[in-house]
Amino acid sequence: MNIHTLYGAIARRFRTRRMRDFIEVYQVTPETRILDVGGSLFNWHLIPFQPRLTIVNLMPPPASLPEHVEWIVTDGTTLPFDARSFDICYSNSVIEHLYSWDNQQQFAREIRRVANAYYVQTPNRRFPIEPHYLAPFIHWLPKGVQRKLLRRFTLWGWMTSPSPEKCRETVAEIRLLTHREMARLFPEARIQRETVLGLTKSLIAMWDARETASEKRPQSRSSTRARLGTAA
């Protein structure tokens, strides 16, 4: 098994449940216009139908795309769309890769600008397992110490045997966020906690301009909170 196969197996377990909750809470249909910032086709294969999807990524698209998908190669901090161009802006495990608070702020501003609702997930910095390195506690250490430990003391390092330069690049790229920081980036959103064994594994900023505070869907959202709270 290589590292990508392992990541894929872990991601499928969490994202299948996450995507099911997403389409329920936001009442997604095949006609919903969704912008996925920094994503791929992987998550959208986990739902039973396909919305009108635009994917923004720095990577080029795969050789063939489904008819309903548009793929644009661009930076998530400067989205080439007018305000409220989409029904929903979606982003899963991307914002933590923007390496600086300034970049994360700009990324969040763009997501808040281009859609009438958004869903932004990111790993929780307070969770004891670093999800990219697959090792405990290392992300709580200074970055200089992380670089020294990355190759020999993480599952990612054992499986990929990265060069010193790759270790430097990887550590420099990742800046995990706390609940308080997510609330600052997305001030109008509800920050949902996705938990494992009572610990908050992920944070999800959820906001929908199509609803007012008195028009929340309590049954749908309540059931979603219960499922997210017991994610495994």
C-alpha atoms as a PDB file:
ATOM      1  CA  MET A   1       0.000   0.000   0.000  1.00  0.00           C
ATOM      2  CA  ASN A   2       1.330   3.445  -0.904  1.00  0.00           C
ATOM      3  CA  ILE A   3       0.543   6.668   0.938  1.00  0.00           C
ATOM      4  CA  HIS A   4      -2.091   7.774  -1.589  1.00  0.00           C
ATOM      5  CA  THR A   5      -4.014   4.521  -1.212  1.00  0.00           C
ATOM      6  CA  LEU A   6      -3.938   4.942   2.564  1.00  0.00           C
ATOM      7  CA  TYR A   7      -5.094   8.569   2.375  1.00  0.00           C
ATOM      8  CA  GLY A   8      -7.866   7.530  -0.010  1.00  0.00           C
ATOM      9  CA  ALA A   9      -9.148   4.837   2.348  1.00  0.00           C
ATOM     10  CA  ILE A  10      -9.181   7.208   5.320  1.00  0.00           C
ATOM     11  CA  ALA A  11     -10.757  10.022   3.303  1.00  0.00           C
ATOM     12  CA  ARG A  12     -13.544   7.837   1.944  1.00  0.00           C
ATOM     13  CA  ARG A  13     -14.607   6.820   5.436  1.00  0.00           C
ATOM     14  CA  PHE A  14     -15.035  10.382   6.686  1.00  0.00           C
ATOM     15  CA  ARG A  15     -16.063  12.089   3.465  1.00  0.00           C
ATOM     16  CA  THR A  16     -18.874   9.707   2.580  1.00  0.00           C
ATOM     17  CA  ARG A  17     -20.696  10.683   5.755  1.00  0.00           C
ATOM     18  CA  ARG A  18     -19.712  14.329   5.358  1.00  0.00           C
ATOM     19  CA  MET A  19     -21.033  14.504   1.792  1.00  0.00           C
ATOM     20  CA  ARG A  20     -24.307  12.841   2.768  1.00  0.00           C
ATOM     21  CA  ASP A  21     -24.821  15.460   5.465  1.00  0.00           C
ATOM     22  CA  PHE A  22     -23.819  18.255   3.094  1.00  0.00           C
ATOM     23  CA  ILE A  23     -26.426  17.435   0.448  1.00  0.00           C
ATOM     24  CA  GLU A  24     -29.112  17.021   3.128  1.00  0.00           C
ATOM     25  CA  VAL A  25     -28.467  20.243   5.037  1.00  0.00           C
ATOM     26  CA  TYR A  26     -28.049  22.399   1.933  1.00  0.00           C
ATOM     27  CA  GLN A  27     -30.828  20.588   0.043  1.00  0.00           C
ATOM     28  CA  VAL A  28     -28.554  20.024  -2.945  1.00  0.00           C
ATOM     29  CA  THR A  29     -30.200  18.938  -6.211  1.00  0.00           C
ATOM     30  CA  PRO A  30     -28.869  18.239  -9.720  1.00  0.00           C
ATOM     31  CA  GLU A  31     -29.618  21.896 -10.520  1.00  0.00           C
ATOM     32  CA  THR A  32     -27.607  23.356  -7.633  1.00  0.00           C
ATOM     33  CA  ARG A  33     -24.654  25.434  -8.815  1.00  0.00           C
ATOM     34  CA  ILE A  34     -21.644  24.502  -6.692  1.00  0.00           C
ATOM     35  CA  LEU A  35     -18.112  25.867  -6.727  1.00  0.00           C
ATOM     36  CA  ASP A  36     -15.573  23.448  -5.226  1.00  0.00           C
ATOM     37  CA  VAL A  37     -12.453  25.429  -4.321  1.00  0.00           C
ATOM     38  CA  GLY A  38      -9.323  23.285  -4.306  1.00  0.00           C
ATOM     39  CA  GLY A  39     -11.173  20.021  -4.734  1.00  0.00           C
ATOM     40  CA  SER A  40     -11.343  17.147  -7.194  1.00  0.00           C
ATOM     41  CA  LEU A  41     -13.925  14.695  -8.489  1.00  0.00           C
ATOM     42  CA  PHE A  42     -13.353  12.325  -5.538  1.00  0.00           C
ATOM     43  CA  ASN A  43     -15.950  13.764  -3.140  1.00  0.00           C
ATOM     44  CA  TRP A  44     -18.591  14.122  -5.844  1.00  0.00           C
ATOM     45  CA  HIS A  45     -18.444  10.418  -6.620  1.00  0.00           C
ATOM     46  CA  LEU A  46     -19.663   9.791  -3.064  1.00  0.00           C
ATOM     47  CA  ILE A  47     -23.182  11.177  -3.629  1.00  0.00           C
ATOM     48  CA  PRO A  48     -26.016   9.585  -5.633  1.00  0.00           C
ATOM     49  CA  PHE A  49     -26.392  12.405  -8.183  1.00  0.00           C
ATOM     50  CA  GLN A  50     -24.259  15.170  -9.676  1.00  0.00           C
ATOM     51  CA  PRO A  51     -24.939  18.917  -9.245  1.00  0.00           C
ATOM     52  CA  ARG A  52     -23.833  21.636 -11.658  1.00  0.00           C
ATOM     53  CA  LEU A  53     -20.222  21.651 -10.545  1.00  0.00           C
ATOM     54  CA  THR A  54     -17.301  24.012 -11.116  1.00  0.00           C
ATOM     55  CA  ILE A  55     -13.949  22.940  -9.679  1.00  0.00           C
ATOM     56  CA  VAL A  56     -11.135  25.412  -9.077  1.00  0.00           C
ATOM     57  CA  ASN A  57      -7.694  23.920  -8.581  1.00  0.00           C
ATOM     58  CA  LEU A  58      -4.050  24.745  -9.257  1.00  0.00           C
ATOM     59  CA  MET A  59      -3.678  21.296 -10.807  1.00  0.00           C
ATOM     60  CA  PRO A  60      -4.796  20.601 -14.399  1.00  0.00           C
ATOM     61  CA  PRO A  61      -8.010  18.613 -14.877  1.00  0.00           C
ATOM     62  CA  PRO A  62      -8.061  14.873 -15.502  1.00  0.00           C
ATOM     63  CA  ALA A  63      -8.020  13.684 -19.107  1.00  0.00           C
ATOM     64  CA  SER A  64     -11.796  13.457 -19.264  1.00  0.00           C
ATOM     65  CA  LEU A  65     -14.446  15.322 -17.293  1.00  0.00           C
ATOM     66  CA  PRO A  66     -18.151  14.549 -16.912  1.00  0.00           C
ATOM     67  CA  GLU A  67     -20.431  16.833 -18.912  1.00  0.00           C
ATOM     68  CA  HIS A  68     -21.765  18.582 -15.827  1.00  0.00           C
ATOM     69  CA  VAL A  69     -18.296  19.565 -14.544  1.00  0.00           C
ATOM     70  CA  GLU A  70     -16.235  22.645 -15.428  1.00  0.00           C
ATOM     71  CA  TRP A  71     -12.608  22.745 -14.251  1.00  0.00           C
ATOM     72  CA  ILE A  72     -10.724  26.044 -13.968  1.00  0.00           C
ATOM     73  CA  VAL A  73      -7.022  26.242 -13.166  1.00  0.00           C
ATOM     74  CA  THR A  74      -6.609  29.228 -10.870  1.00  0.00           C
ATOM     75  CA  ASP A  75      -5.763  30.304  -7.325  1.00  0.00           C
ATOM     76  CA  GLY A  76      -8.444  30.044  -4.657  1.00  0.00           C
ATOM     77  CA  THR A  77      -7.426  33.417  -3.219  1.00  0.00           C
ATOM     78  CA  THR A  78      -8.384  35.250  -6.444  1.00  0.00           C
ATOM     79  CA  LEU A  79     -11.498  33.584  -7.801  1.00  0.00           C
ATOM     80  CA  PRO A  80     -12.502  34.814 -11.292  1.00  0.00           C
ATOM     81  CA  PHE A  81     -16.227  35.025 -10.562  1.00  0.00           C
ATOM     82  CA  ASP A  82     -18.725  37.753  -9.791  1.00  0.00           C
ATOM     83  CA  ALA A  83     -20.292  38.016  -6.355  1.00  0.00           C
ATOM     84  CA  ARG A  84     -23.008  35.427  -5.677  1.00  0.00           C
ATOM     85  CA  SER A  85     -22.249  33.523  -8.877  1.00  0.00           C
ATOM     86  CA  PHE A  86     -22.949  30.165  -7.203  1.00  0.00           C
ATOM     87  CA  ASP A  87     -25.558  28.693  -4.928  1.00  0.00           C
ATOM     88  CA  ILE A  88     -22.928  27.074  -2.708  1.00  0.00           C
ATOM     89  CA  CYS A  89     -19.172  27.342  -2.348  1.00  0.00           C
ATOM     90  CA  TYR A  90     -17.664  24.115  -1.046  1.00  0.00           C
ATOM     91  CA  SER A  91     -14.127  23.465   0.170  1.00  0.00           C
ATOM     92  CA  ASN A  92     -12.808  20.387   1.966  1.00  0.00           C
ATOM     93  CA  SER A  93      -9.354  20.193   3.600  1.00  0.00           C
ATOM     94  CA  VAL A  94      -7.875  23.021   1.527  1.00  0.00           C
ATOM     95  CA  ILE A  95      -7.634  26.205   3.588  1.00  0.00           C
ATOM     96  CA  GLU A  96      -4.966  24.722   5.893  1.00  0.00           C
ATOM     97  CA  HIS A  97      -2.621  24.440   2.884  1.00  0.00           C
ATOM     98  CA  LEU A  98      -2.423  28.211   2.371  1.00  0.00           C
ATOM     99  CA  TYR A  99       0.606  28.436   4.722  1.00  0.00           C
ATOM    100  CA  SER A 100      -0.065  31.934   6.135  1.00  0.00           C
ATOM    101  CA  TRP A 101      -2.832  33.713   8.004  1.00  0.00           C
ATOM    102  CA  ASP A 102      -2.966  36.450   5.359  1.00  0.00           C
ATOM    103  CA  ASN A 103      -3.542  33.918   2.584  1.00  0.00           C
ATOM    104  CA  GLN A 104      -6.162  32.105   4.621  1.00  0.00           C
ATOM    105  CA  GLN A 105      -7.981  35.397   5.201  1.00  0.00           C
ATOM    106  CA  GLN A 106      -8.012  36.157   1.478  1.00  0.00           C
ATOM    107  CA  PHE A 107      -9.196  32.626   0.687  1.00  0.00           C
ATOM    108  CA  ALA A 108     -12.048  33.014   3.177  1.00  0.00           C
ATOM    109  CA  ARG A 109     -13.043  36.420   1.765  1.00  0.00           C
ATOM    110  CA  GLU A 110     -13.305  34.972  -1.724  1.00  0.00           C
ATOM    111  CA  ILE A 111     -15.424  32.043  -0.577  1.00  0.00           C
ATOM    112  CA  ARG A 112     -17.752  34.394   1.283  1.00  0.00           C
ATOM    113  CA  ARG A 113     -18.006  36.632  -1.789  1.00  0.00           C
ATOM    114  CA  VAL A 114     -18.829  34.250  -4.629  1.00  0.00           C
ATOM    115  CA  ALA A 115     -21.778  32.220  -3.286  1.00  0.00           C
ATOM    116  CA  ASN A 116     -25.077  32.441  -1.432  1.00  0.00           C
ATOM    117  CA  ALA A 117     -23.974  29.710   0.956  1.00  0.00           C
ATOM    118  CA  TYR A 118     -20.739  27.995   1.874  1.00  0.00           C
ATOM    119  CA  TYR A 119     -19.337  24.878   3.486  1.00  0.00           C
ATOM    120  CA  VAL A 120     -15.653  24.954   4.451  1.00  0.00           C
ATOM    121  CA  GLN A 121     -14.052  22.011   6.267  1.00  0.00           C
ATOM    122  CA  THR A 122     -10.575  21.869   7.750  1.00  0.00           C
ATOM    123  CA  PRO A 123      -8.729  19.625  10.245  1.00  0.00           C
ATOM    124  CA  ASN A 124      -8.705  20.911  13.808  1.00  0.00           C
ATOM    125  CA  ARG A 125      -5.296  21.959  15.077  1.00  0.00           C
ATOM    126  CA  ARG A 126      -6.266  20.810  18.594  1.00  0.00           C
ATOM    127  CA  PHE A 127      -6.835  17.209  17.485  1.00  0.00           C
ATOM    128  CA  PRO A 128      -3.844  15.110  18.623  1.00  0.00           C
ATOM    129  CA  ILE A 129      -3.272  13.332  15.281  1.00  0.00           C
ATOM    130  CA  GLU A 130      -1.869  15.422  12.432  1.00  0.00           C
ATOM    131  CA  PRO A 131      -3.890  14.203   9.417  1.00  0.00           C
ATOM    132  CA  HIS A 132      -1.314  14.922   6.707  1.00  0.00           C
ATOM    133  CA  TYR A 133       1.647  13.342   8.479  1.00  0.00           C
ATOM    134  CA  LEU A 134      -0.415  10.636  10.237  1.00  0.00           C
ATOM    135  CA  ALA A 135       1.470  11.101  13.497  1.00  0.00           C
ATOM    136  CA  PRO A 136       0.506  12.287  16.999  1.00  0.00           C
ATOM    137  CA  PHE A 137       1.399  15.689  18.458  1.00  0.00           C
ATOM    138  CA  ILE A 138       4.014  16.670  15.845  1.00  0.00           C
ATOM    139  CA  HIS A 139       1.951  19.644  14.615  1.00  0.00           C
ATOM    140  CA  TRP A 140       2.096  21.197  18.080  1.00  0.00           C
ATOM    141  CA  LEU A 141       5.888  21.525  17.836  1.00  0.00           C
ATOM    142  CA  PRO A 142       7.814  24.400  16.216  1.00  0.00           C
ATOM    143  CA  LYS A 143       8.154  24.012  12.464  1.00  0.00           C
ATOM    144  CA  GLY A 144      11.920  23.639  12.720  1.00  0.00           C
ATOM    145  CA  VAL A 145      11.451  20.624  14.969  1.00  0.00           C
ATOM    146  CA  GLN A 146       8.727  19.233  12.692  1.00  0.00           C
ATOM    147  CA  ARG A 147      11.125  19.274   9.737  1.00  0.00           C
ATOM    148  CA  LYS A 148      13.660  17.200  11.666  1.00  0.00           C
ATOM    149  CA  LEU A 149      11.092  14.632  12.799  1.00  0.00           C
ATOM    150  CA  LEU A 150       9.007  14.358   9.647  1.00  0.00           C
ATOM    151  CA  ARG A 151      10.923  11.668   7.782  1.00  0.00           C
ATOM    152  CA  ARG A 152      11.630   9.214  10.593  1.00  0.00           C
ATOM    153  CA  PHE A 153       8.828   9.772  13.099  1.00  0.00           C
ATOM    154  CA  THR A 154       5.658   9.979  10.977  1.00  0.00           C
ATOM    155  CA  LEU A 155       3.797   7.425   8.912  1.00  0.00           C
ATOM    156  CA  TRP A 156       3.940   9.822   5.951  1.00  0.00           C
ATOM    157  CA  GLY A 157       7.719   9.959   6.251  1.00  0.00           C
ATOM    158  CA  TRP A 158       8.130   6.188   6.510  1.00  0.00           C
ATOM    159  CA  MET A 159       5.972   5.554   3.450  1.00  0.00           C
ATOM    160  CA  THR A 160       7.298   8.309   1.158  1.00  0.00           C
ATOM    161  CA  SER A 161      10.959   8.720   2.238  1.00  0.00           C
ATOM    162  CA  PRO A 162      10.868  12.453   1.449  1.00  0.00           C
ATOM    163  CA  SER A 163      13.980  14.469   0.722  1.00  0.00           C
ATOM    164  CA  PRO A 164      14.991  17.226   3.164  1.00  0.00           C
ATOM    165  CA  GLU A 165      13.697  19.770   0.647  1.00  0.00           C
ATOM    166  CA  LYS A 166      10.336  18.002   0.451  1.00  0.00           C
ATOM    167  CA  CYS A 167      10.121  18.021   4.238  1.00  0.00           C
ATOM    168  CA  ARG A 168      10.789  21.766   4.291  1.00  0.00           C
ATOM    169  CA  GLU A 169       8.162  22.422   1.620  1.00  0.00           C
ATOM    170  CA  THR A 170       5.538  20.279   3.320  1.00  0.00           C
ATOM    171  CA  VAL A 171       5.984  21.805   6.766  1.00  0.00           C
ATOM    172  CA  ALA A 172       5.989  25.330   5.313  1.00  0.00           C
ATOM    173  CA  GLU A 173       2.780  24.692   3.369  1.00  0.00           C
ATOM    174  CA  ILE A 174       0.514  23.542   6.197  1.00  0.00           C
ATOM    175  CA  ARG A 175      -1.046  25.868   8.751  1.00  0.00           C
ATOM    176  CA  LEU A 176      -3.783  24.137  10.734  1.00  0.00           C
ATOM    177  CA  LEU A 177      -6.571  26.235  12.202  1.00  0.00           C
ATOM    178  CA  THR A 178      -8.304  26.380  15.578  1.00  0.00           C
ATOM    179  CA  HIS A 179     -12.001  26.873  16.265  1.00  0.00           C
ATOM    180  CA  ARG A 180     -11.377  30.504  17.204  1.00  0.00           C
ATOM    181  CA  GLU A 181      -9.491  31.183  13.976  1.00  0.00           C
ATOM    182  CA  MET A 182     -12.229  29.591  11.859  1.00  0.00           C
ATOM    183  CA  ALA A 183     -14.776  31.803  13.610  1.00  0.00           C
ATOM    184  CA  ARG A 184     -12.669  34.854  12.758  1.00  0.00           C
ATOM    185  CA  LEU A 185     -12.359  33.812   9.111  1.00  0.00           C
ATOM    186  CA  PHE A 186     -16.080  33.088   8.742  1.00  0.00           C
ATOM    187  CA  PRO A 187     -17.796  35.397  11.252  1.00  0.00           C
ATOM    188  CA  GLU A 188     -21.374  34.830  10.056  1.00  0.00           C
ATOM    189  CA  ALA A 189     -21.032  31.027   9.968  1.00  0.00           C
ATOM    190  CA  ARG A 190     -21.848  28.322  12.464  1.00  0.00           C
ATOM    191  CA  ILE A 191     -18.639  26.385  13.153  1.00  0.00           C
ATOM    192  CA  GLN A 192     -19.629  22.736  13.289  1.00  0.00           C
ATOM    193  CA  ARG A 193     -17.446  20.265  15.183  1.00  0.00           C
ATOM    194  CA  GLU A 194     -16.844  16.817  13.702  1.00  0.00           C
ATOM    195  CA  THR A 195     -15.763  14.543  16.550  1.00  0.00           C
ATOM    196  CA  VAL A 196     -14.018  11.223  17.037  1.00  0.00           C
ATOM    197  CA  LEU A 197     -14.134   9.588  20.475  1.00  0.00           C
ATOM    198  CA  GLY A 198     -15.270  12.886  21.938  1.00  0.00           C
ATOM    199  CA  LEU A 199     -12.401  14.885  20.421  1.00  0.00           C
ATOM    200  CA  THR A 200     -12.914  17.475  17.693  1.00  0.00           C
ATOM    201  CA  LYS A 201     -11.257  16.100  14.576  1.00  0.00           C
ATOM    202  CA  SER A 202     -12.485  18.674  12.044  1.00  0.00           C
ATOM    203  CA  LEU A 203     -14.103  22.108  11.926  1.00  0.00           C
ATOM    204  CA  ILE A 204     -16.752  23.015   9.362  1.00  0.00           C
ATOM    205  CA  ALA A 205     -17.869  26.589   8.672  1.00  0.00           C
ATOM    206  CA  MET A 206     -21.500  26.431   7.525  1.00  0.00           C
ATOM    207  CA  TRP A 207     -23.543  29.425   6.347  1.00  0.00           C
ATOM    208  CA  ASP A 208     -26.539  29.922   4.100  1.00  0.00           C
ATOM    209  CA  ALA A 209     -27.831  33.366   3.107  1.00  0.00           C
ATOM    210  CA  ARG A 210     -31.048  31.776   1.898  1.00  0.00           C
ATOM    211  CA  GLU A 211     -32.106  31.235   5.484  1.00  0.00           C
ATOM    212  CA  THR A 212     -32.742  33.692   8.270  1.00  0.00           C
ATOM    213  CA  ALA A 213     -32.022  32.973  11.907  1.00  0.00           C
ATOM    214  CA  SER A 214     -35.692  32.133  12.475  1.00  0.00           C
ATOM    215  CA  GLU A 215     -35.928  29.886   9.417  1.00  0.00           C
ATOM    216  CA  LYS A 216     -33.323  27.273  10.250  1.00  0.00           C
ATOM    217  CA  ARG A 217     -34.239  23.690   9.439  1.00  0.00           C
ATOM    218  CA  PRO A 218     -33.987  22.346  13.009  1.00  0.00           C
ATOM    219  CA  GLN A 219     -34.699  18.695  12.317  1.00  0.00           C
ATOM    220  CA  SER A 220     -32.255  18.435   9.417  1.00  0.00           C
ATOM    221  CA  ARG A 221     -29.512  20.386  11.139  1.00  0.00           C
ATOM    222  CA  SER A 222     -30.055  18.648  14.460  1.00  0.00           C
ATOM    223  CA  SER A 223     -29.738  15.236  12.891  1.00  0.00           C
ATOM    224  CA  THR A 224     -26.628  16.383  11.053  1.00  0.00           C
ATOM    225  CA  ARG A 225     -25.036  17.596  14.278  1.00  0.00           C
ATOM    226  CA  ALA A 226     -25.745  14.225  15.854  1.00  0.00           C
ATOM    227  CA  ARG A 227     -24.119  12.338  12.980  1.00  0.00           C
ATOM    228  CA  LEU A 228     -21.117  14.618  12.817  1.00  0.00           C
ATOM    229  CA  GLY A 229     -20.724  14.327  16.552  1.00  0.00           C
ATOM    230  CA  THR A 230     -20.316  10.568  16.292  1.00  0.00           C
ATOM    231  CA  ALA A 231     -18.187  10.376  13.165  1.00  0.00           C
ATOM    232  CA  ALA A 232     -15.639   7.562  13.255  1.00  0.00           C
END
